[in-house]
Amino acid sequence: MSNRVRHTVTPPGGEEIVIIGDTDKLNVWFDATPLVPDIDSGPTNEVRAVAGYNRKRYPGDLTGVSVAPHNRTVLVIERATLAVLPGQEAYLERPVVINGKNRKRVTQFTFVGDVIDLHAFCNGNCSYANAVLRTPKGKPLEIDQTAPPA
């Protein structure tokens, strides 16, 4: 299962975009400006107060017992993973030769923002020559490695 997290970037002269995907898989594509997750903190312990209450020791217990107020330590994990992905799909694609046959390496992700801003971020940041940015709508956009990085 992939770990889909948010990465917020702003290309030069463009609007802010949010790229949602696996950080490790995406950073293979971007060497000039690696993506950094928006939430990068690990799990923490948090102490919460629990109010006093009465409870039964067993079914049918008529007397019950009182539990005094106390503190409870719980594990808190920031929710950076996303089950339902907002935005639109995009694919980074590059040609490779495997065992003498032409193949394509593809990484899928989701983004929120304009395609033109995503293309501007990819220009100059992409690690591979002949890479293409694809969206379900529109033509494939070639990525220029010589453009200034974002």
C-alpha atoms as a PDB file:
ATOM      1  CA  MET A   1       0.000   0.000   0.000  1.00  0.00           C
ATOM      2  CA  SER A   2       1.418   3.362  -0.950  1.00  0.00           C
ATOM      3  CA  ASN A   3       1.660   6.244   1.461  1.00  0.00           C
ATOM      4  CA  ARG A   4      -0.140   9.136  -0.218  1.00  0.00           C
ATOM      5  CA  VAL A   5       0.708  12.456   1.406  1.00  0.00           C
ATOM      6  CA  ARG A   6       0.301  16.128   0.516  1.00  0.00           C
ATOM      7  CA  HIS A   7       3.183  18.183  -0.891  1.00  0.00           C
ATOM      8  CA  THR A   8       2.601  21.902  -1.481  1.00  0.00           C
ATOM      9  CA  VAL A   9       4.806  23.593  -4.103  1.00  0.00           C
ATOM     10  CA  THR A  10       4.766  26.911  -5.933  1.00  0.00           C
ATOM     11  CA  PRO A  11       6.338  27.044  -9.407  1.00  0.00           C
ATOM     12  CA  PRO A  12       8.061  30.263 -10.509  1.00  0.00           C
ATOM     13  CA  GLY A  13       5.455  32.758 -11.647  1.00  0.00           C
ATOM     14  CA  GLY A  14       2.602  30.344 -10.917  1.00  0.00           C
ATOM     15  CA  GLU A  15      -0.042  29.540  -8.369  1.00  0.00           C
ATOM     16  CA  GLU A  16       0.432  27.151  -5.462  1.00  0.00           C
ATOM     17  CA  ILE A  17      -0.340  23.513  -6.279  1.00  0.00           C
ATOM     18  CA  VAL A  18      -0.768  20.482  -4.043  1.00  0.00           C
ATOM     19  CA  ILE A  19       0.728  17.205  -5.243  1.00  0.00           C
ATOM     20  CA  ILE A  20      -0.654  14.124  -3.516  1.00  0.00           C
ATOM     21  CA  GLY A  21       1.330  10.916  -3.816  1.00  0.00           C
ATOM     22  CA  ASP A  22       4.055   8.692  -2.413  1.00  0.00           C
ATOM     23  CA  THR A  23       6.997  10.937  -1.497  1.00  0.00           C
ATOM     24  CA  ASP A  24       9.667   8.339  -2.282  1.00  0.00           C
ATOM     25  CA  LYS A  25       8.228   7.499  -5.696  1.00  0.00           C
ATOM     26  CA  LEU A  26       7.773  11.156  -6.642  1.00  0.00           C
ATOM     27  CA  ASN A  27      11.248  12.221  -5.506  1.00  0.00           C
ATOM     28  CA  VAL A  28      12.768   9.743  -7.974  1.00  0.00           C
ATOM     29  CA  TRP A  29      11.442  12.124 -10.651  1.00  0.00           C
ATOM     30  CA  PHE A  30      12.471  15.417  -9.038  1.00  0.00           C
ATOM     31  CA  ASP A  31      16.149  15.847  -8.172  1.00  0.00           C
ATOM     32  CA  ALA A  32      16.485  19.648  -8.371  1.00  0.00           C
ATOM     33  CA  THR A  33      13.696  20.335  -5.862  1.00  0.00           C
ATOM     34  CA  PRO A  34      12.728  17.236  -3.852  1.00  0.00           C
ATOM     35  CA  LEU A  35       9.185  17.210  -2.515  1.00  0.00           C
ATOM     36  CA  VAL A  36       8.740  17.577   1.242  1.00  0.00           C
ATOM     37  CA  PRO A  37       5.502  16.374   2.891  1.00  0.00           C
ATOM     38  CA  ASP A  38       3.331  19.073   4.446  1.00  0.00           C
ATOM     39  CA  ILE A  39       3.101  17.060   7.674  1.00  0.00           C
ATOM     40  CA  ASP A  40       6.427  15.481   8.493  1.00  0.00           C
ATOM     41  CA  SER A  41       6.098  14.851  12.209  1.00  0.00           C
ATOM     42  CA  GLY A  42       6.029  11.368  13.607  1.00  0.00           C
ATOM     43  CA  PRO A  43       3.651   9.917  16.179  1.00  0.00           C
ATOM     44  CA  THR A  44       3.572  11.557  19.601  1.00  0.00           C
ATOM     45  CA  ASN A  45       2.200  10.654  23.028  1.00  0.00           C
ATOM     46  CA  GLU A  46      -0.515  12.858  24.460  1.00  0.00           C
ATOM     47  CA  VAL A  47      -1.885  12.830  28.008  1.00  0.00           C
ATOM     48  CA  ARG A  48      -5.654  13.204  28.289  1.00  0.00           C
ATOM     49  CA  ALA A  49      -7.753  13.576  31.430  1.00  0.00           C
ATOM     50  CA  VAL A  50     -10.456  10.973  32.000  1.00  0.00           C
ATOM     51  CA  ALA A  51     -13.419  11.926  34.178  1.00  0.00           C
ATOM     52  CA  GLY A  52     -14.466   9.645  37.026  1.00  0.00           C
ATOM     53  CA  TYR A  53     -17.283   7.198  36.323  1.00  0.00           C
ATOM     54  CA  ASN A  54     -19.154   4.180  37.694  1.00  0.00           C
ATOM     55  CA  ARG A  55     -19.002   0.770  36.081  1.00  0.00           C
ATOM     56  CA  LYS A  56     -20.201  -2.762  36.691  1.00  0.00           C
ATOM     57  CA  ARG A  57     -17.683  -5.485  37.434  1.00  0.00           C
ATOM     58  CA  TYR A  58     -19.770  -8.170  35.696  1.00  0.00           C
ATOM     59  CA  PRO A  59     -23.188  -8.472  33.999  1.00  0.00           C
ATOM     60  CA  GLY A  60     -25.932  -8.247  36.606  1.00  0.00           C
ATOM     61  CA  ASP A  61     -23.734  -6.479  39.199  1.00  0.00           C
ATOM     62  CA  LEU A  62     -26.067  -4.363  41.333  1.00  0.00           C
ATOM     63  CA  THR A  63     -23.493  -2.436  43.351  1.00  0.00           C
ATOM     64  CA  GLY A  64     -20.809  -1.499  40.787  1.00  0.00           C
ATOM     65  CA  VAL A  65     -17.549   0.299  41.483  1.00  0.00           C
ATOM     66  CA  SER A  66     -16.391   3.892  41.165  1.00  0.00           C
ATOM     67  CA  VAL A  67     -13.399   4.699  39.003  1.00  0.00           C
ATOM     68  CA  ALA A  68     -11.572   7.823  40.132  1.00  0.00           C
ATOM     69  CA  PRO A  69     -10.574  10.545  37.644  1.00  0.00           C
ATOM     70  CA  HIS A  70      -7.174   9.821  36.111  1.00  0.00           C
ATOM     71  CA  ASN A  71      -4.922  10.578  33.159  1.00  0.00           C
ATOM     72  CA  ARG A  72      -4.547   8.364  30.117  1.00  0.00           C
ATOM     73  CA  THR A  73      -1.656   8.430  27.620  1.00  0.00           C
ATOM     74  CA  VAL A  74      -2.688   7.959  23.982  1.00  0.00           C
ATOM     75  CA  LEU A  75      -0.715   7.726  20.753  1.00  0.00           C
ATOM     76  CA  VAL A  76      -1.479  10.572  18.317  1.00  0.00           C
ATOM     77  CA  ILE A  77      -0.590  10.262  14.628  1.00  0.00           C
ATOM     78  CA  GLU A  78      -1.016  13.264  12.321  1.00  0.00           C
ATOM     79  CA  ARG A  79      -3.265  12.360   9.420  1.00  0.00           C
ATOM     80  CA  ALA A  80      -1.164  13.028   6.344  1.00  0.00           C
ATOM     81  CA  THR A  81      -2.471  10.054   4.389  1.00  0.00           C
ATOM     82  CA  LEU A  82      -5.554  10.547   2.295  1.00  0.00           C
ATOM     83  CA  ALA A  83      -8.148   7.877   1.643  1.00  0.00           C
ATOM     84  CA  VAL A  84     -10.258   9.959  -0.742  1.00  0.00           C
ATOM     85  CA  LEU A  85      -8.110  11.951  -3.129  1.00  0.00           C
ATOM     86  CA  PRO A  86      -9.210  15.432  -4.165  1.00  0.00           C
ATOM     87  CA  GLY A  87      -8.178  17.038  -7.428  1.00  0.00           C
ATOM     88  CA  GLN A  88      -7.299  15.353 -10.695  1.00  0.00           C
ATOM     89  CA  GLU A  89      -5.038  12.527 -11.744  1.00  0.00           C
ATOM     90  CA  ALA A  90      -1.724  12.993 -13.485  1.00  0.00           C
ATOM     91  CA  TYR A  91       1.044  10.677 -14.680  1.00  0.00           C
ATOM     92  CA  LEU A  92       4.760  11.143 -15.155  1.00  0.00           C
ATOM     93  CA  GLU A  93       5.998   8.868 -17.927  1.00  0.00           C
ATOM     94  CA  ARG A  94       9.394   8.109 -19.435  1.00  0.00           C
ATOM     95  CA  PRO A  95      10.618   5.572 -21.987  1.00  0.00           C
ATOM     96  CA  VAL A  96      12.963   2.773 -20.908  1.00  0.00           C
ATOM     97  CA  VAL A  97      14.473  -0.245 -22.650  1.00  0.00           C
ATOM     98  CA  ILE A  98      14.115  -3.542 -20.813  1.00  0.00           C
ATOM     99  CA  ASN A  99      15.574  -6.709 -22.388  1.00  0.00           C
ATOM    100  CA  GLY A 100      15.734  -4.962 -25.747  1.00  0.00           C
ATOM    101  CA  LYS A 101      12.043  -3.961 -25.684  1.00  0.00           C
ATOM    102  CA  ASN A 102      10.709  -0.438 -25.383  1.00  0.00           C
ATOM    103  CA  ARG A 103       8.665   0.056 -22.220  1.00  0.00           C
ATOM    104  CA  LYS A 104       7.353   2.981 -20.183  1.00  0.00           C
ATOM    105  CA  ARG A 105       7.942   3.796 -16.529  1.00  0.00           C
ATOM    106  CA  VAL A 106       4.911   5.562 -15.109  1.00  0.00           C
ATOM    107  CA  THR A 107       4.234   7.173 -11.727  1.00  0.00           C
ATOM    108  CA  GLN A 108       0.656   8.144 -10.939  1.00  0.00           C
ATOM    109  CA  PHE A 109      -0.327  10.901  -8.525  1.00  0.00           C
ATOM    110  CA  THR A 110      -3.103  13.396  -7.867  1.00  0.00           C
ATOM    111  CA  PHE A 111      -2.828  17.164  -7.811  1.00  0.00           C
ATOM    112  CA  VAL A 112      -4.939  20.168  -6.915  1.00  0.00           C
ATOM    113  CA  GLY A 113      -4.303  23.244  -9.044  1.00  0.00           C
ATOM    114  CA  ASP A 114      -3.759  24.131 -12.687  1.00  0.00           C
ATOM    115  CA  VAL A 115      -2.060  21.769 -15.117  1.00  0.00           C
ATOM    116  CA  ILE A 116       0.058  24.638 -16.445  1.00  0.00           C
ATOM    117  CA  ASP A 117       1.457  25.288 -12.944  1.00  0.00           C
ATOM    118  CA  LEU A 118       2.218  21.582 -12.468  1.00  0.00           C
ATOM    119  CA  HIS A 119       4.000  21.557 -15.849  1.00  0.00           C
ATOM    120  CA  ALA A 120       5.980  24.651 -14.819  1.00  0.00           C
ATOM    121  CA  PHE A 121       7.109  22.880 -11.639  1.00  0.00           C
ATOM    122  CA  CYS A 122       8.136  19.754 -13.585  1.00  0.00           C
ATOM    123  CA  ASN A 123      10.213  21.785 -16.069  1.00  0.00           C
ATOM    124  CA  GLY A 124      13.779  21.931 -14.820  1.00  0.00           C
ATOM    125  CA  ASN A 125      13.044  19.708 -11.803  1.00  0.00           C
ATOM    126  CA  CYS A 126      12.663  16.419 -13.652  1.00  0.00           C
ATOM    127  CA  SER A 127      15.477  13.871 -13.354  1.00  0.00           C
ATOM    128  CA  TYR A 128      14.901  12.186 -16.717  1.00  0.00           C
ATOM    129  CA  ALA A 129      15.157  13.162 -20.357  1.00  0.00           C
ATOM    130  CA  ASN A 130      12.148  12.509 -22.620  1.00  0.00           C
ATOM    131  CA  ALA A 131       9.749  12.621 -19.668  1.00  0.00           C
ATOM    132  CA  VAL A 132       6.105  13.441 -20.309  1.00  0.00           C
ATOM    133  CA  LEU A 133       3.362  14.772 -18.028  1.00  0.00           C
ATOM    134  CA  ARG A 134      -0.017  13.229 -18.819  1.00  0.00           C
ATOM    135  CA  THR A 135      -3.486  14.047 -17.575  1.00  0.00           C
ATOM    136  CA  PRO A 136      -6.734  12.286 -18.511  1.00  0.00           C
ATOM    137  CA  LYS A 137      -7.779  15.431 -20.361  1.00  0.00           C
ATOM    138  CA  GLY A 138      -5.642  17.085 -23.017  1.00  0.00           C
ATOM    139  CA  LYS A 139      -2.399  16.308 -24.785  1.00  0.00           C
ATOM    140  CA  PRO A 140       0.749  14.949 -23.141  1.00  0.00           C
ATOM    141  CA  LEU A 141       3.069  17.762 -22.071  1.00  0.00           C
ATOM    142  CA  GLU A 142       6.784  17.246 -22.663  1.00  0.00           C
ATOM    143  CA  ILE A 143       8.999  18.164 -19.734  1.00  0.00           C
ATOM    144  CA  ASP A 144      12.010  20.371 -20.476  1.00  0.00           C
ATOM    145  CA  GLN A 145      15.029  19.501 -18.315  1.00  0.00           C
ATOM    146  CA  THR A 146      16.878  22.679 -19.299  1.00  0.00           C
ATOM    147  CA  ALA A 147      14.245  25.066 -17.950  1.00  0.00           C
ATOM    148  CA  PRO A 148      15.182  26.845 -14.698  1.00  0.00           C
ATOM    149  CA  PRO A 149      14.069  24.816 -11.652  1.00  0.00           C
ATOM    150  CA  ALA A 150      11.238  25.963  -9.443  1.00  0.00           C
END
